[in-house]
Amino acid sequence: MHITLNGEAREIAPASTVADLLAELDLIGKRVAVERNGEIVPRGQHGATVLAEDDALEIVVAVGGG
């Protein structure tokens, strides 16, 4: 299945969830913000949000510092 992730085309397994994608990207447990087709996906919905063909996602990882 084709999606766009942070502006780049990407192939993922059918019926993947946001949580599956985060695991594939090794981002589980990190502070991330996920936007799907222009709408924020709350952290509590990552496991229940199934991705669809041609979804556009933006994932931003929070970086600490000071």
C-alpha atoms as a PDB file:
ATOM      1  CA  MET A   1       0.000   0.000   0.000  1.00  0.00           C
ATOM      2  CA  HIS A   2       1.306   3.466  -0.875  1.00  0.00           C
ATOM      3  CA  ILE A   3       1.362   6.405   1.534  1.00  0.00           C
ATOM      4  CA  THR A   4       3.218   9.690   1.669  1.00  0.00           C
ATOM      5  CA  LEU A   5       5.324  10.134   4.804  1.00  0.00           C
ATOM      6  CA  ASN A   6       6.831  13.556   5.460  1.00  0.00           C
ATOM      7  CA  GLY A   7       6.582  14.356   1.760  1.00  0.00           C
ATOM      8  CA  GLU A   8       8.127  11.112   0.482  1.00  0.00           C
ATOM      9  CA  ALA A   9       6.413   8.093  -1.077  1.00  0.00           C
ATOM     10  CA  ARG A  10       6.552   4.964   1.076  1.00  0.00           C
ATOM     11  CA  GLU A  11       5.257   1.415   0.754  1.00  0.00           C
ATOM     12  CA  ILE A  12       3.688  -0.177   3.867  1.00  0.00           C
ATOM     13  CA  ALA A  13       1.803  -3.397   4.594  1.00  0.00           C
ATOM     14  CA  PRO A  14      -1.962  -3.343   4.014  1.00  0.00           C
ATOM     15  CA  ALA A  15      -4.087  -2.709   7.133  1.00  0.00           C
ATOM     16  CA  SER A  16      -1.146  -1.083   8.953  1.00  0.00           C
ATOM     17  CA  THR A  17      -1.993   1.207  11.849  1.00  0.00           C
ATOM     18  CA  VAL A  18      -0.223   4.368  12.914  1.00  0.00           C
ATOM     19  CA  ALA A  19       1.311   2.309  15.754  1.00  0.00           C
ATOM     20  CA  ASP A  20       2.600  -0.258  13.229  1.00  0.00           C
ATOM     21  CA  LEU A  21       4.240   2.515  11.214  1.00  0.00           C
ATOM     22  CA  LEU A  22       5.817   4.041  14.322  1.00  0.00           C
ATOM     23  CA  ALA A  23       7.216   0.621  15.254  1.00  0.00           C
ATOM     24  CA  GLU A  24       8.626   0.189  11.738  1.00  0.00           C
ATOM     25  CA  LEU A  25      10.299   3.588  12.098  1.00  0.00           C
ATOM     26  CA  ASP A  26      11.633   2.661  15.567  1.00  0.00           C
ATOM     27  CA  LEU A  27       9.671   5.514  17.162  1.00  0.00           C
ATOM     28  CA  ILE A  28       7.694   3.558  19.780  1.00  0.00           C
ATOM     29  CA  GLY A  29       8.066   5.234  23.169  1.00  0.00           C
ATOM     30  CA  LYS A  30       9.372   8.485  21.696  1.00  0.00           C
ATOM     31  CA  ARG A  31       7.511  11.764  21.873  1.00  0.00           C
ATOM     32  CA  VAL A  32       5.977  12.152  18.437  1.00  0.00           C
ATOM     33  CA  ALA A  33       3.171  14.089  16.822  1.00  0.00           C
ATOM     34  CA  VAL A  34       1.334  12.374  13.974  1.00  0.00           C
ATOM     35  CA  GLU A  35      -0.814  14.156  11.429  1.00  0.00           C
ATOM     36  CA  ARG A  36      -2.883  12.124   8.979  1.00  0.00           C
ATOM     37  CA  ASN A  37      -4.466  13.904   6.020  1.00  0.00           C
ATOM     38  CA  GLY A  38      -4.285  17.234   7.823  1.00  0.00           C
ATOM     39  CA  GLU A  39      -5.662  16.059  11.180  1.00  0.00           C
ATOM     40  CA  ILE A  40      -3.733  15.211  14.347  1.00  0.00           C
ATOM     41  CA  VAL A  41      -4.006  11.573  15.454  1.00  0.00           C
ATOM     42  CA  PRO A  42      -4.111  11.499  19.281  1.00  0.00           C
ATOM     43  CA  ARG A  43      -1.563   9.155  20.902  1.00  0.00           C
ATOM     44  CA  GLY A  44      -4.388   7.045  22.336  1.00  0.00           C
ATOM     45  CA  GLN A  45      -5.680   6.399  18.801  1.00  0.00           C
ATOM     46  CA  HIS A  46      -2.399   5.270  17.199  1.00  0.00           C
ATOM     47  CA  GLY A  47      -3.230   1.564  17.593  1.00  0.00           C
ATOM     48  CA  ALA A  48      -6.781   1.963  16.309  1.00  0.00           C
ATOM     49  CA  THR A  49      -6.067   4.251  13.349  1.00  0.00           C
ATOM     50  CA  VAL A  50      -5.763   2.064  10.255  1.00  0.00           C
ATOM     51  CA  LEU A  51      -3.953   3.688   7.369  1.00  0.00           C
ATOM     52  CA  ALA A  52      -5.460   3.746   3.878  1.00  0.00           C
ATOM     53  CA  GLU A  53      -4.047   3.885   0.364  1.00  0.00           C
ATOM     54  CA  ASP A  54      -2.676   7.356  -0.492  1.00  0.00           C
ATOM     55  CA  ASP A  55      -2.848   8.690   3.093  1.00  0.00           C
ATOM     56  CA  ALA A  56      -0.525  11.628   3.697  1.00  0.00           C
ATOM     57  CA  LEU A  57       1.241  11.540   7.062  1.00  0.00           C
ATOM     58  CA  GLU A  58       3.562  13.939   8.805  1.00  0.00           C
ATOM     59  CA  ILE A  59       5.460  12.633  11.813  1.00  0.00           C
ATOM     60  CA  VAL A  60       7.437  15.021  13.982  1.00  0.00           C
ATOM     61  CA  VAL A  61       9.736  13.783  16.756  1.00  0.00           C
ATOM     62  CA  ALA A  62      10.185  16.057  19.791  1.00  0.00           C
ATOM     63  CA  VAL A  63      13.836  16.704  20.586  1.00  0.00           C
ATOM     64  CA  GLY A  64      14.840  17.883  24.045  1.00  0.00           C
ATOM     65  CA  GLY A  65      17.530  20.389  24.720  1.00  0.00           C
ATOM     66  CA  GLY A  66      18.105  23.741  26.141  1.00  0.00           C
END
